[in-house]
């Protein structure tokens, strides 16, 4: 994993995307594919702030872990049940 200090400056040509389930208040993260580096993640409310850049292998492992329920213990019980 790497980090860039200013996502807007360091990654000017990427296309950021939010989840379709993102609320209207904009409290979400955005992801963007970064050629030859992997996937960048930033706070949608602070686009000129830092971004974390994960390799494809790191992001693949994270997504697989999420899908496998590795982080379900972090959610309130009622939310975890609704997303199952």
Protein backbone atom coordinates (compact mmCIF):
# COMPACT_ATOMS: atom_id res chain seq x y z
CA UNK A 1 0.00 0.00 0.00
CA UNK A 2 1.14 3.51 -0.74
CA UNK A 3 -0.22 6.94 -0.06
CA UNK A 4 -0.39 10.16 -2.05
CA UNK A 5 -0.73 13.42 -0.17
CA UNK A 6 -3.13 15.16 -2.56
CA UNK A 7 -5.30 12.84 -4.64
CA UNK A 8 -6.48 15.57 -6.99
CA UNK A 9 -2.91 16.60 -7.87
CA UNK A 10 -1.17 13.20 -7.75
CA UNK A 11 -3.90 11.32 -9.65
CA UNK A 12 -5.37 13.89 -12.06
CA UNK A 13 -6.40 11.50 -14.83
CA UNK A 14 -8.23 8.81 -12.87
CA UNK A 15 -11.99 8.40 -12.79
CA UNK A 16 -13.30 8.23 -9.24
CA UNK A 17 -16.41 6.21 -8.49
CA UNK A 18 -18.71 5.99 -5.46
CA UNK A 19 -20.99 3.13 -4.60
CA UNK A 20 -24.49 3.34 -6.01
CA UNK A 21 -25.61 2.80 -2.41
CA UNK A 22 -23.87 5.96 -1.24
CA UNK A 23 -26.12 8.30 0.68
CA UNK A 24 -27.05 11.76 -0.55
CA UNK A 25 -25.01 13.29 2.27
CA UNK A 26 -21.81 12.17 0.55
CA UNK A 27 -20.30 10.36 3.52
CA UNK A 28 -18.50 7.75 1.49
CA UNK A 29 -15.29 6.62 -0.07
CA UNK A 30 -14.43 6.74 -3.74
CA UNK A 31 -12.29 4.26 -5.63
CA UNK A 32 -10.38 4.62 -8.87
CA UNK A 33 -8.29 2.25 -10.93
CA UNK A 34 -4.71 3.53 -11.16
CA UNK A 35 -2.79 2.21 -14.13
CA UNK A 36 0.19 0.07 -13.18
CA UNK A 37 -0.40 0.75 -9.48
CA UNK A 38 -3.71 -0.80 -8.51
CA UNK A 39 -6.69 0.90 -6.87
CA UNK A 40 -6.80 4.28 -5.13
CA UNK A 41 -9.22 5.03 -2.27
CA UNK A 42 -10.12 8.52 -1.01
CA UNK A 43 -12.69 10.39 1.07
CA UNK A 44 -15.33 11.79 -1.29
CA UNK A 45 -15.80 14.87 0.89
CA UNK A 46 -12.11 15.78 0.68
CA UNK A 47 -10.96 15.11 -2.91
CA UNK A 48 -7.79 17.15 -2.48
CA UNK A 49 -6.86 15.13 0.59
CA UNK A 50 -4.77 11.98 0.72
CA UNK A 51 -5.52 8.76 -1.09
CA UNK A 52 -4.39 5.26 -0.28
CA UNK A 53 -3.19 3.23 -3.25
CA UNK A 54 -3.49 -0.54 -2.98
CA UNK A 55 -2.01 -3.10 -5.35
CA UNK A 56 -4.42 -5.28 -7.28
CA UNK A 57 -3.43 -8.21 -5.03
CA UNK A 58 -4.11 -6.21 -1.86
CA UNK A 59 -7.49 -4.97 -3.08
CA UNK A 60 -8.45 -8.46 -4.29
CA UNK A 61 -7.63 -9.93 -0.89
CA UNK A 62 -9.64 -7.22 0.89
CA UNK A 63 -12.71 -7.67 -1.32
CA UNK A 64 -12.55 -11.45 -0.89
CA UNK A 65 -12.34 -11.01 2.88
CA UNK A 66 -15.35 -8.66 2.89
CA UNK A 67 -17.38 -11.04 0.76
CA UNK A 68 -16.37 -13.90 3.05
CA UNK A 69 -17.68 -12.08 6.12
CA UNK A 70 -14.31 -11.40 7.77
CA UNK A 71 -15.45 -7.94 8.88
CA UNK A 72 -19.08 -8.64 9.74
CA UNK A 73 -18.19 -8.42 13.44
CA UNK A 74 -17.63 -4.67 12.96
CA UNK A 75 -21.28 -4.05 12.10
CA UNK A 76 -24.20 -3.76 14.48
CA UNK A 77 -26.11 -7.06 14.56
CA UNK A 78 -29.20 -5.67 12.81
CA UNK A 79 -27.18 -4.21 9.93
CA UNK A 80 -25.19 -7.41 9.46
CA UNK A 81 -28.42 -9.40 9.26
CA UNK A 82 -29.96 -7.05 6.66
CA UNK A 83 -26.91 -7.27 4.39
CA UNK A 84 -26.78 -11.09 4.50
